[in-house]
Amino acid sequence: MKLVVYVMNKTELLEEFLHELKEKNIKGATILNSSGMARKLIQNDDMEFIGSLKTLFDNPRKESHVILIAVPDQQTSTVYKVIDTVCGDLSEPNTGIVFTLSIEEIKGYIG
């Protein structure tokens, strides 16, 4: 089993993304609201030099979604394809990030 961790910056694509996962027979995901560290530091002005980074964050995005998807190993590539199809090229700025972790043991129903 693998855990796909996808930080979705384009939150307006969430419904379409979930629909496409379902179409590919991936029926379970956990969605968490999140915000990046740099954005929080800028909002709080915790560090003086961080204030100069404010100009780098003209993007109006306030939050992201962290989507956790536990899948059998062979479905990992399917999830990545859905991300590419719905959300676009993650090598572009402010699009998101995805990575996969191995799950050594899992207990509970995986739909």
PDB file of N, CA and C in Angstrom:
ATOM      1  N   MET A   1       0.842  -1.186   0.000  1.00  0.00           N
ATOM      2  CA  MET A   1       0.000   0.000   0.000  1.00  0.00           C
ATOM      3  C   MET A   1       0.883   1.244   0.000  1.00  0.00           C
ATOM      4  N   LYS A   2       0.323   2.297  -0.569  1.00  0.00           N
ATOM      5  CA  LYS A   2       1.005   3.592  -0.614  1.00  0.00           C
ATOM      6  C   LYS A   2       0.057   4.668  -0.105  1.00  0.00           C
ATOM      7  N   LEU A   3       0.635   5.718   0.442  1.00  0.00           N
ATOM      8  CA  LEU A   3      -0.116   6.911   0.800  1.00  0.00           C
ATOM      9  C   LEU A   3       0.327   8.012  -0.143  1.00  0.00           C
ATOM     10  N   VAL A   4      -0.594   8.461  -0.981  1.00  0.00           N
ATOM     11  CA  VAL A   4      -0.323   9.591  -1.856  1.00  0.00           C
ATOM     12  C   VAL A   4      -0.726  10.842  -1.092  1.00  0.00           C
ATOM     13  N   VAL A   5       0.199  11.776  -0.950  1.00  0.00           N
ATOM     14  CA  VAL A   5      -0.041  13.042  -0.261  1.00  0.00           C
ATOM     15  C   VAL A   5       0.025  14.134  -1.316  1.00  0.00           C
ATOM     16  N   TYR A   6      -1.107  14.769  -1.562  1.00  0.00           N
ATOM     17  CA  TYR A   6      -1.195  15.792  -2.599  1.00  0.00           C
ATOM     18  C   TYR A   6      -1.595  17.120  -1.968  1.00  0.00           C
ATOM     19  N   VAL A   7      -0.748  18.124  -2.085  1.00  0.00           N
ATOM     20  CA  VAL A   7      -1.080  19.469  -1.640  1.00  0.00           C
ATOM     21  C   VAL A   7      -1.616  20.212  -2.854  1.00  0.00           C
ATOM     22  N   MET A   8      -2.915  20.436  -2.859  1.00  0.00           N
ATOM     23  CA  MET A   8      -3.612  21.063  -3.985  1.00  0.00           C
ATOM     24  C   MET A   8      -3.732  22.559  -3.734  1.00  0.00           C
ATOM     25  N   ASN A   9      -3.036  23.342  -4.542  1.00  0.00           N
ATOM     26  CA  ASN A   9      -3.120  24.795  -4.407  1.00  0.00           C
ATOM     27  C   ASN A   9      -4.317  25.374  -5.148  1.00  0.00           C
ATOM     28  N   LYS A  10      -4.729  24.739  -6.217  1.00  0.00           N
ATOM     29  CA  LYS A  10      -5.883  25.210  -6.992  1.00  0.00           C
ATOM     30  C   LYS A  10      -7.145  24.569  -6.400  1.00  0.00           C
ATOM     31  N   THR A  11      -7.575  25.109  -5.269  1.00  0.00           N
ATOM     32  CA  THR A  11      -8.665  24.494  -4.507  1.00  0.00           C
ATOM     33  C   THR A  11      -9.987  24.465  -5.270  1.00  0.00           C
ATOM     34  N   GLU A  12     -10.127  25.325  -6.250  1.00  0.00           N
ATOM     35  CA  GLU A  12     -11.362  25.346  -7.037  1.00  0.00           C
ATOM     36  C   GLU A  12     -11.518  24.084  -7.888  1.00  0.00           C
ATOM     37  N   LEU A  13     -10.480  23.274  -8.005  1.00  0.00           N
ATOM     38  CA  LEU A  13     -10.530  22.046  -8.797  1.00  0.00           C
ATOM     39  C   LEU A  13     -10.854  20.810  -7.957  1.00  0.00           C
ATOM     40  N   LEU A  14     -11.118  21.001  -6.676  1.00  0.00           N
ATOM     41  CA  LEU A  14     -11.318  19.862  -5.767  1.00  0.00           C
ATOM     42  C   LEU A  14     -12.438  18.939  -6.225  1.00  0.00           C
ATOM     43  N   GLU A  15     -13.609  19.473  -6.517  1.00  0.00           N
ATOM     44  CA  GLU A  15     -14.756  18.635  -6.892  1.00  0.00           C
ATOM     45  C   GLU A  15     -14.463  17.826  -8.148  1.00  0.00           C
ATOM     46  N   GLU A  16     -13.885  18.463  -9.159  1.00  0.00           N
ATOM     47  CA  GLU A  16     -13.542  17.760 -10.393  1.00  0.00           C
ATOM     48  C   GLU A  16     -12.497  16.677 -10.122  1.00  0.00           C
ATOM     49  N   PHE A  17     -11.523  16.982  -9.287  1.00  0.00           N
ATOM     50  CA  PHE A  17     -10.484  16.023  -8.932  1.00  0.00           C
ATOM     51  C   PHE A  17     -11.080  14.793  -8.251  1.00  0.00           C
ATOM     52  N   LEU A  18     -11.946  15.009  -7.266  1.00  0.00           N
ATOM     53  CA  LEU A  18     -12.570  13.892  -6.556  1.00  0.00           C
ATOM     54  C   LEU A  18     -13.443  13.062  -7.486  1.00  0.00           C
ATOM     55  N   HIS A  19     -14.165  13.721  -8.385  1.00  0.00           N
ATOM     56  CA  HIS A  19     -15.004  13.018  -9.354  1.00  0.00           C
ATOM     57  C   HIS A  19     -14.149  12.113 -10.246  1.00  0.00           C
ATOM     58  N   GLU A  20     -13.018  12.622 -10.710  1.00  0.00           N
ATOM     59  CA  GLU A  20     -12.128  11.833 -11.567  1.00  0.00           C
ATOM     60  C   GLU A  20     -11.527  10.653 -10.808  1.00  0.00           C
ATOM     61  N   LEU A  21     -11.184  10.842  -9.543  1.00  0.00           N
ATOM     62  CA  LEU A  21     -10.708   9.717  -8.740  1.00  0.00           C
ATOM     63  C   LEU A  21     -11.773   8.630  -8.673  1.00  0.00           C
ATOM     64  N   LYS A  22     -13.011   9.036  -8.418  1.00  0.00           N
ATOM     65  CA  LYS A  22     -14.116   8.082  -8.329  1.00  0.00           C
ATOM     66  C   LYS A  22     -14.303   7.339  -9.647  1.00  0.00           C
ATOM     67  N   GLU A  23     -14.180   8.067 -10.754  1.00  0.00           N
ATOM     68  CA  GLU A  23     -14.303   7.443 -12.077  1.00  0.00           C
ATOM     69  C   GLU A  23     -13.222   6.391 -12.309  1.00  0.00           C
ATOM     70  N   LYS A  24     -12.076   6.559 -11.677  1.00  0.00           N
ATOM     71  CA  LYS A  24     -10.956   5.624 -11.805  1.00  0.00           C
ATOM     72  C   LYS A  24     -10.990   4.556 -10.712  1.00  0.00           C
ATOM     73  N   ASN A  25     -12.125   4.452 -10.028  1.00  0.00           N
ATOM     74  CA  ASN A  25     -12.350   3.451  -8.987  1.00  0.00           C
ATOM     75  C   ASN A  25     -11.490   3.671  -7.741  1.00  0.00           C
ATOM     76  N   ILE A  26     -11.148   4.912  -7.477  1.00  0.00           N
ATOM     77  CA  ILE A  26     -10.469   5.284  -6.241  1.00  0.00           C
ATOM     78  C   ILE A  26     -11.510   6.048  -5.432  1.00  0.00           C
ATOM     79  N   LYS A  27     -12.000   5.408  -4.383  1.00  0.00           N
ATOM     80  CA  LYS A  27     -13.202   5.909  -3.720  1.00  0.00           C
ATOM     81  C   LYS A  27     -12.987   6.532  -2.356  1.00  0.00           C
ATOM     82  N   GLY A  28     -11.736   6.642  -1.921  1.00  0.00           N
ATOM     83  CA  GLY A  28     -11.510   7.204  -0.599  1.00  0.00           C
ATOM     84  C   GLY A  28     -10.376   8.207  -0.583  1.00  0.00           C
ATOM     85  N   ALA A  29     -10.598   9.305   0.107  1.00  0.00           N
ATOM     86  CA  ALA A  29      -9.568  10.328   0.291  1.00  0.00           C
ATOM     87  C   ALA A  29      -9.942  11.151   1.517  1.00  0.00           C
ATOM     88  N   THR A  30      -8.945  11.653   2.193  1.00  0.00           N
ATOM     89  CA  THR A  30      -9.161  12.564   3.311  1.00  0.00           C
ATOM     90  C   THR A  30      -8.651  13.932   2.890  1.00  0.00           C
ATOM     91  N   ILE A  31      -9.475  14.953   3.083  1.00  0.00           N
ATOM     92  CA  ILE A  31      -9.141  16.313   2.640  1.00  0.00           C
ATOM     93  C   ILE A  31      -8.983  17.202   3.868  1.00  0.00           C
ATOM     94  N   LEU A  32      -7.814  17.837   3.966  1.00  0.00           N
ATOM     95  CA  LEU A  32      -7.520  18.747   5.066  1.00  0.00           C
ATOM     96  C   LEU A  32      -7.254  20.144   4.505  1.00  0.00           C
ATOM     97  N   ASN A  33      -7.772  21.159   5.155  1.00  0.00           N
ATOM     98  CA  ASN A  33      -7.432  22.527   4.779  1.00  0.00           C
ATOM     99  C   ASN A  33      -6.050  22.842   5.340  1.00  0.00           C
ATOM    100  N   SER A  34      -5.255  23.576   4.566  1.00  0.00           N
ATOM    101  CA  SER A  34      -3.889  23.860   4.999  1.00  0.00           C
ATOM    102  C   SER A  34      -3.434  25.213   4.496  1.00  0.00           C
ATOM    103  N   SER A  35      -2.333  25.662   5.059  1.00  0.00           N
ATOM    104  CA  SER A  35      -1.699  26.903   4.635  1.00  0.00           C
ATOM    105  C   SER A  35      -0.195  26.705   4.776  1.00  0.00           C
ATOM    106  N   GLY A  36       0.572  27.293   3.872  1.00  0.00           N
ATOM    107  CA  GLY A  36       2.023  27.125   3.891  1.00  0.00           C
ATOM    108  C   GLY A  36       2.713  27.951   4.958  1.00  0.00           C
ATOM    109  N   MET A  37       3.881  27.515   5.334  1.00  0.00           N
ATOM    110  CA  MET A  37       4.665  28.162   6.380  1.00  0.00           C
ATOM    111  C   MET A  37       5.020  29.604   6.036  1.00  0.00           C
ATOM    112  N   ALA A  38       5.499  29.851   4.834  1.00  0.00           N
ATOM    113  CA  ALA A  38       5.895  31.211   4.446  1.00  0.00           C
ATOM    114  C   ALA A  38       4.716  32.168   4.524  1.00  0.00           C
ATOM    115  N   ARG A  39       3.549  31.712   4.074  1.00  0.00           N
ATOM    116  CA  ARG A  39       2.361  32.564   4.118  1.00  0.00           C
ATOM    117  C   ARG A  39       2.004  32.927   5.554  1.00  0.00           C
ATOM    118  N   LYS A  40       2.088  31.964   6.453  1.00  0.00           N
ATOM    119  CA  LYS A  40       1.785  32.227   7.868  1.00  0.00           C
ATOM    120  C   LYS A  40       2.801  33.175   8.486  1.00  0.00           C
ATOM    121  N   LEU A  41       4.073  32.998   8.172  1.00  0.00           N
ATOM    122  CA  LEU A  41       5.095  33.894   8.713  1.00  0.00           C
ATOM    123  C   LEU A  41       4.882  35.318   8.223  1.00  0.00           C
ATOM    124  N   ILE A  42       4.513  35.455   6.975  1.00  0.00           N
ATOM    125  CA  ILE A  42       4.264  36.788   6.421  1.00  0.00           C
ATOM    126  C   ILE A  42       3.051  37.422   7.087  1.00  0.00           C
ATOM    127  N   GLN A  43       1.986  36.639   7.288  1.00  0.00           N
ATOM    128  CA  GLN A  43       0.782  37.169   7.929  1.00  0.00           C
ATOM    129  C   GLN A  43       1.066  37.639   9.343  1.00  0.00           C
ATOM    130  N   ASN A  44       1.921  36.909  10.055  1.00  0.00           N
ATOM    131  CA  ASN A  44       2.206  37.222  11.446  1.00  0.00           C
ATOM    132  C   ASN A  44       3.376  38.188  11.623  1.00  0.00           C
ATOM    133  N   ASP A  45       4.124  38.429  10.536  1.00  0.00           N
ATOM    134  CA  ASP A  45       5.322  39.262  10.603  1.00  0.00           C
ATOM    135  C   ASP A  45       6.243  38.826  11.738  1.00  0.00           C
ATOM    136  N   ASP A  46       6.373  37.498  11.917  1.00  0.00           N
ATOM    137  CA  ASP A  46       7.224  36.967  12.977  1.00  0.00           C
ATOM    138  C   ASP A  46       8.705  37.273  12.755  1.00  0.00           C
ATOM    139  N   MET A  47       9.083  37.386  11.505  1.00  0.00           N
ATOM    140  CA  MET A  47      10.496  37.591  11.212  1.00  0.00           C
ATOM    141  C   MET A  47      10.626  38.807  10.301  1.00  0.00           C
ATOM    142  N   GLU A  48      11.446  39.726  10.709  1.00  0.00           N
ATOM    143  CA  GLU A  48      11.573  40.995   9.996  1.00  0.00           C
ATOM    144  C   GLU A  48      11.919  40.816   8.519  1.00  0.00           C
ATOM    145  N   PHE A  49      12.892  39.964   8.210  1.00  0.00           N
ATOM    146  CA  PHE A  49      13.312  39.810   6.821  1.00  0.00           C
ATOM    147  C   PHE A  49      12.251  39.130   5.967  1.00  0.00           C
ATOM    148  N   ILE A  50      11.351  38.381   6.588  1.00  0.00           N
ATOM    149  CA  ILE A  50      10.283  37.720   5.836  1.00  0.00           C
ATOM    150  C   ILE A  50       9.354  38.760   5.219  1.00  0.00           C
ATOM    151  N   GLY A  51       9.217  39.899   5.856  1.00  0.00           N
ATOM    152  CA  GLY A  51       8.357  40.952   5.318  1.00  0.00           C
ATOM    153  C   GLY A  51       8.718  41.321   3.897  1.00  0.00           C
ATOM    154  N   SER A  52       9.994  41.275   3.563  1.00  0.00           N
ATOM    155  CA  SER A  52      10.410  41.602   2.199  1.00  0.00           C
ATOM    156  C   SER A  52       9.957  40.555   1.199  1.00  0.00           C
ATOM    157  N   LEU A  53       9.556  39.395   1.679  1.00  0.00           N
ATOM    158  CA  LEU A  53       9.071  38.352   0.777  1.00  0.00           C
ATOM    159  C   LEU A  53       7.601  38.550   0.395  1.00  0.00           C
ATOM    160  N   LYS A  54       6.924  39.495   1.029  1.00  0.00           N
ATOM    161  CA  LYS A  54       5.508  39.711   0.743  1.00  0.00           C
ATOM    162  C   LYS A  54       5.245  39.938  -0.742  1.00  0.00           C
ATOM    163  N   THR A  55       6.165  40.590  -1.412  1.00  0.00           N
ATOM    164  CA  THR A  55       5.973  40.859  -2.833  1.00  0.00           C
ATOM    165  C   THR A  55       5.967  39.582  -3.660  1.00  0.00           C
ATOM    166  N   LEU A  56       6.530  38.507  -3.131  1.00  0.00           N
ATOM    167  CA  LEU A  56       6.525  37.233  -3.846  1.00  0.00           C
ATOM    168  C   LEU A  56       5.183  36.518  -3.744  1.00  0.00           C
ATOM    169  N   PHE A  57       4.342  36.973  -2.847  1.00  0.00           N
ATOM    170  CA  PHE A  57       3.075  36.303  -2.604  1.00  0.00           C
ATOM    171  C   PHE A  57       1.891  37.160  -3.029  1.00  0.00           C
ATOM    172  N   ASP A  58       1.916  37.618  -4.273  1.00  0.00           N
ATOM    173  CA  ASP A  58       0.798  38.387  -4.801  1.00  0.00           C
ATOM    174  C   ASP A  58      -0.387  37.488  -5.127  1.00  0.00           C
ATOM    175  N   ASN A  59      -0.147  36.189  -5.139  1.00  0.00           N
ATOM    176  CA  ASN A  59      -1.206  35.229  -5.403  1.00  0.00           C
ATOM    177  C   ASN A  59      -2.267  35.364  -4.311  1.00  0.00           C
ATOM    178  N   PRO A  60      -3.548  35.511  -4.681  1.00  0.00           N
ATOM    179  CA  PRO A  60      -4.587  35.686  -3.676  1.00  0.00           C
ATOM    180  C   PRO A  60      -4.951  34.394  -2.921  1.00  0.00           C
ATOM    181  N   ARG A  61      -4.340  33.279  -3.260  1.00  0.00           N
ATOM    182  CA  ARG A  61      -4.655  32.014  -2.613  1.00  0.00           C
ATOM    183  C   ARG A  61      -4.419  32.118  -1.122  1.00  0.00           C
ATOM    184  N   LYS A  62      -5.427  31.782  -0.357  1.00  0.00           N
ATOM    185  CA  LYS A  62      -5.332  31.863   1.098  1.00  0.00           C
ATOM    186  C   LYS A  62      -5.012  30.516   1.727  1.00  0.00           C
ATOM    187  N   GLU A  63      -5.472  29.440   1.092  1.00  0.00           N
ATOM    188  CA  GLU A  63      -5.244  28.121   1.662  1.00  0.00           C
ATOM    189  C   GLU A  63      -5.130  27.084   0.560  1.00  0.00           C
ATOM    190  N   SER A  64      -4.721  25.908   0.976  1.00  0.00           N
ATOM    191  CA  SER A  64      -4.595  24.762   0.088  1.00  0.00           C
ATOM    192  C   SER A  64      -5.399  23.620   0.685  1.00  0.00           C
ATOM    193  N   HIS A  65      -5.446  22.530  -0.042  1.00  0.00           N
ATOM    194  CA  HIS A  65      -6.002  21.288   0.495  1.00  0.00           C
ATOM    195  C   HIS A  65      -4.888  20.261   0.494  1.00  0.00           C
ATOM    196  N   VAL A  66      -4.748  19.535   1.599  1.00  0.00           N
ATOM    197  CA  VAL A  66      -3.876  18.369   1.626  1.00  0.00           C
ATOM    198  C   VAL A  66      -4.809  17.175   1.485  1.00  0.00           C
ATOM    199  N   ILE A  67      -4.593  16.408   0.428  1.00  0.00           N
ATOM    200  CA  ILE A  67      -5.450  15.264   0.134  1.00  0.00           C
ATOM    201  C   ILE A  67      -4.624  13.998   0.354  1.00  0.00           C
ATOM    202  N   LEU A  68      -5.096  13.160   1.258  1.00  0.00           N
ATOM    203  CA  LEU A  68      -4.432  11.910   1.608  1.00  0.00           C
ATOM    204  C   LEU A  68      -5.204  10.755   0.984  1.00  0.00           C
ATOM    205  N   ILE A  69      -4.501   9.934   0.190  1.00  0.00           N
ATOM    206  CA  ILE A  69      -5.167   8.848  -0.519  1.00  0.00           C
ATOM    207  C   ILE A  69      -4.355   7.574  -0.316  1.00  0.00           C
ATOM    208  N   ALA A  70      -4.932   6.594   0.383  1.00  0.00           N
ATOM    209  CA  ALA A  70      -4.286   5.294   0.561  1.00  0.00           C
ATOM    210  C   ALA A  70      -4.743   4.393  -0.573  1.00  0.00           C
ATOM    211  N   VAL A  71      -3.770   3.880  -1.346  1.00  0.00           N
ATOM    212  CA  VAL A  71      -4.095   3.046  -2.504  1.00  0.00           C
ATOM    213  C   VAL A  71      -3.125   1.868  -2.599  1.00  0.00           C
ATOM    214  N   PRO A  72      -3.560   0.799  -3.265  1.00  0.00           N
ATOM    215  CA  PRO A  72      -2.610  -0.267  -3.582  1.00  0.00           C
ATOM    216  C   PRO A  72      -1.506   0.293  -4.476  1.00  0.00           C
ATOM    217  N   ASP A  73      -0.340  -0.302  -4.411  1.00  0.00           N
ATOM    218  CA  ASP A  73       0.822   0.191  -5.160  1.00  0.00           C
ATOM    219  C   ASP A  73       0.505   0.482  -6.622  1.00  0.00           C
ATOM    220  N   GLN A  74      -0.233  -0.410  -7.272  1.00  0.00           N
ATOM    221  CA  GLN A  74      -0.480  -0.264  -8.703  1.00  0.00           C
ATOM    222  C   GLN A  74      -1.413   0.910  -9.039  1.00  0.00           C
ATOM    223  N   GLN A  75      -2.106   1.481  -8.063  1.00  0.00           N
ATOM    224  CA  GLN A  75      -2.994   2.615  -8.347  1.00  0.00           C
ATOM    225  C   GLN A  75      -2.322   3.974  -8.162  1.00  0.00           C
ATOM    226  N   THR A  76      -1.102   3.977  -7.681  1.00  0.00           N
ATOM    227  CA  THR A  76      -0.384   5.239  -7.488  1.00  0.00           C
ATOM    228  C   THR A  76      -0.269   6.010  -8.792  1.00  0.00           C
ATOM    229  N   SER A  77       0.096   5.335  -9.863  1.00  0.00           N
ATOM    230  CA  SER A  77       0.241   6.020 -11.159  1.00  0.00           C
ATOM    231  C   SER A  77      -1.093   6.573 -11.646  1.00  0.00           C
ATOM    232  N   THR A  78      -2.187   5.910 -11.321  1.00  0.00           N
ATOM    233  CA  THR A  78      -3.517   6.406 -11.699  1.00  0.00           C
ATOM    234  C   THR A  78      -3.806   7.729 -11.008  1.00  0.00           C
ATOM    235  N   VAL A  79      -3.484   7.812  -9.720  1.00  0.00           N
ATOM    236  CA  VAL A  79      -3.698   9.060  -8.977  1.00  0.00           C
ATOM    237  C   VAL A  79      -2.859  10.179  -9.591  1.00  0.00           C
ATOM    238  N   TYR A  80      -1.609   9.894  -9.913  1.00  0.00           N
ATOM    239  CA  TYR A  80      -0.736  10.897 -10.524  1.00  0.00           C
ATOM    240  C   TYR A  80      -1.286  11.364 -11.870  1.00  0.00           C
ATOM    241  N   LYS A  81      -1.841  10.451 -12.650  1.00  0.00           N
ATOM    242  CA  LYS A  81      -2.430  10.817 -13.948  1.00  0.00           C
ATOM    243  C   LYS A  81      -3.645  11.717 -13.764  1.00  0.00           C
ATOM    244  N   VAL A  82      -4.473  11.419 -12.764  1.00  0.00           N
ATOM    245  CA  VAL A  82      -5.637  12.268 -12.482  1.00  0.00           C
ATOM    246  C   VAL A  82      -5.176  13.669 -12.080  1.00  0.00           C
ATOM    247  N   ILE A  83      -4.150  13.755 -11.255  1.00  0.00           N
ATOM    248  CA  ILE A  83      -3.606  15.058 -10.866  1.00  0.00           C
ATOM    249  C   ILE A  83      -3.154  15.826 -12.094  1.00  0.00           C
ATOM    250  N   ASP A  84      -2.394  15.170 -12.975  1.00  0.00           N
ATOM    251  CA  ASP A  84      -1.917  15.831 -14.191  1.00  0.00           C
ATOM    252  C   ASP A  84      -3.066  16.288 -15.080  1.00  0.00           C
ATOM    253  N   THR A  85      -4.069  15.437 -15.239  1.00  0.00           N
ATOM    254  CA  THR A  85      -5.197  15.739 -16.123  1.00  0.00           C
ATOM    255  C   THR A  85      -6.041  16.891 -15.591  1.00  0.00           C
ATOM    256  N   VAL A  86      -6.373  16.836 -14.321  1.00  0.00           N
ATOM    257  CA  VAL A  86      -7.295  17.827 -13.743  1.00  0.00           C
ATOM    258  C   VAL A  86      -6.563  19.108 -13.337  1.00  0.00           C
ATOM    259  N   CYS A  87      -5.416  18.970 -12.714  1.00  0.00           N
ATOM    260  CA  CYS A  87      -4.758  20.106 -12.079  1.00  0.00           C
ATOM    261  C   CYS A  87      -3.594  20.681 -12.872  1.00  0.00           C
ATOM    262  N   GLY A  88      -3.132  19.965 -13.870  1.00  0.00           N
ATOM    263  CA  GLY A  88      -2.069  20.487 -14.708  1.00  0.00           C
ATOM    264  C   GLY A  88      -0.682  20.125 -14.217  1.00  0.00           C
ATOM    265  N   ASP A  89       0.283  20.782 -14.803  1.00  0.00           N
ATOM    266  CA  ASP A  89       1.698  20.516 -14.586  1.00  0.00           C
ATOM    267  C   ASP A  89       2.150  21.068 -13.237  1.00  0.00           C
ATOM    268  N   LEU A  90       2.524  20.179 -12.327  1.00  0.00           N
ATOM    269  CA  LEU A  90       2.933  20.605 -10.994  1.00  0.00           C
ATOM    270  C   LEU A  90       4.312  21.258 -10.970  1.00  0.00           C
ATOM    271  N   SER A  91       5.001  21.262 -12.087  1.00  0.00           N
ATOM    272  CA  SER A  91       6.289  21.954 -12.120  1.00  0.00           C
ATOM    273  C   SER A  91       6.108  23.467 -12.279  1.00  0.00           C
ATOM    274  N   GLU A  92       4.880  23.892 -12.536  1.00  0.00           N
ATOM    275  CA  GLU A  92       4.563  25.323 -12.616  1.00  0.00           C
ATOM    276  C   GLU A  92       4.400  25.886 -11.204  1.00  0.00           C
ATOM    277  N   PRO A  93       4.720  27.169 -11.009  1.00  0.00           N
ATOM    278  CA  PRO A  93       4.581  27.767  -9.664  1.00  0.00           C
ATOM    279  C   PRO A  93       3.128  27.769  -9.176  1.00  0.00           C
ATOM    280  N   ASN A  94       2.969  27.659  -7.881  1.00  0.00           N
ATOM    281  CA  ASN A  94       1.664  27.764  -7.205  1.00  0.00           C
ATOM    282  C   ASN A  94       0.638  26.744  -7.678  1.00  0.00           C
ATOM    283  N   THR A  95       1.093  25.561  -8.091  1.00  0.00           N
ATOM    284  CA  THR A  95       0.140  24.534  -8.517  1.00  0.00           C
ATOM    285  C   THR A  95      -0.029  23.440  -7.477  1.00  0.00           C
ATOM    286  N   GLY A  96       1.014  23.124  -6.740  1.00  0.00           N
ATOM    287  CA  GLY A  96       0.922  22.091  -5.718  1.00  0.00           C
ATOM    288  C   GLY A  96       2.128  21.189  -5.730  1.00  0.00           C
ATOM    289  N   ILE A  97       2.045  20.151  -4.918  1.00  0.00           N
ATOM    290  CA  ILE A  97       3.116  19.161  -4.811  1.00  0.00           C
ATOM    291  C   ILE A  97       2.468  17.826  -4.464  1.00  0.00           C
ATOM    292  N   VAL A  98       3.074  16.753  -4.932  1.00  0.00           N
ATOM    293  CA  VAL A  98       2.582  15.412  -4.601  1.00  0.00           C
ATOM    294  C   VAL A  98       3.774  14.516  -4.302  1.00  0.00           C
ATOM    295  N   PHE A  99       3.597  13.641  -3.323  1.00  0.00           N
ATOM    296  CA  PHE A  99       4.611  12.632  -3.039  1.00  0.00           C
ATOM    297  C   PHE A  99       3.920  11.396  -2.480  1.00  0.00           C
ATOM    298  N   THR A 100       4.657  10.303  -2.462  1.00  0.00           N
ATOM    299  CA  THR A 100       4.104   9.023  -2.050  1.00  0.00           C
ATOM    300  C   THR A 100       4.951   8.427  -0.930  1.00  0.00           C
ATOM    301  N   LEU A 101       4.280   7.877   0.058  1.00  0.00           N
ATOM    302  CA  LEU A 101       4.939   7.204   1.178  1.00  0.00           C
ATOM    303  C   LEU A 101       4.470   5.750   1.229  1.00  0.00           C
ATOM    304  N   SER A 102       5.350   4.868   1.637  1.00  0.00           N
ATOM    305  CA  SER A 102       4.970   3.468   1.815  1.00  0.00           C
ATOM    306  C   SER A 102       4.193   3.315   3.119  1.00  0.00           C
ATOM    307  N   ILE A 103       3.185   2.493   3.072  1.00  0.00           N
ATOM    308  CA  ILE A 103       2.411   2.145   4.277  1.00  0.00           C
ATOM    309  C   ILE A 103       2.801   0.719   4.654  1.00  0.00           C
ATOM    310  N   GLU A 104       3.398   0.576   5.824  1.00  0.00           N
ATOM    311  CA  GLU A 104       3.830  -0.753   6.251  1.00  0.00           C
ATOM    312  C   GLU A 104       2.673  -1.588   6.761  1.00  0.00           C
ATOM    313  N   GLU A 105       1.739  -0.951   7.421  1.00  0.00           N
ATOM    314  CA  GLU A 105       0.606  -1.674   7.979  1.00  0.00           C
ATOM    315  C   GLU A 105      -0.599  -0.750   7.956  1.00  0.00           C
ATOM    316  N   ILE A 106      -1.760  -1.325   7.707  1.00  0.00           N
ATOM    317  CA  ILE A 106      -2.982  -0.526   7.694  1.00  0.00           C
ATOM    318  C   ILE A 106      -4.101  -1.360   8.315  1.00  0.00           C
ATOM    319  N   LYS A 107      -4.949  -0.692   9.057  1.00  0.00           N
ATOM    320  CA  LYS A 107      -6.059  -1.372   9.700  1.00  0.00           C
ATOM    321  C   LYS A 107      -7.299  -0.521   9.476  1.00  0.00           C
ATOM    322  N   GLY A 108      -8.373  -1.136   9.095  1.00  0.00           N
ATOM    323  CA  GLY A 108      -9.605  -0.416   8.812  1.00  0.00           C
ATOM    324  C   GLY A 108     -10.000  -0.586   7.369  1.00  0.00           C
ATOM    325  N   TYR A 109     -11.194  -0.162   7.061  1.00  0.00           N
ATOM    326  CA  TYR A 109     -11.743  -0.354   5.721  1.00  0.00           C
ATOM    327  C   TYR A 109     -11.175   0.671   4.752  1.00  0.00           C
ATOM    328  N   ILE A 110     -10.668   0.209   3.635  1.00  0.00           N
ATOM    329  CA  ILE A 110     -10.199   1.057   2.540  1.00  0.00           C
ATOM    330  C   ILE A 110     -11.158   0.811   1.389  1.00  0.00           C
ATOM    331  N   GLY A 111     -12.018   1.808   1.103  1.00  0.00           N
ATOM    332  CA  GLY A 111     -13.059   1.661   0.076  1.00  0.00           C
ATOM    333  C   GLY A 111     -12.587   1.554  -1.242  1.00  0.00           C
TER     334      GLY A 111
END
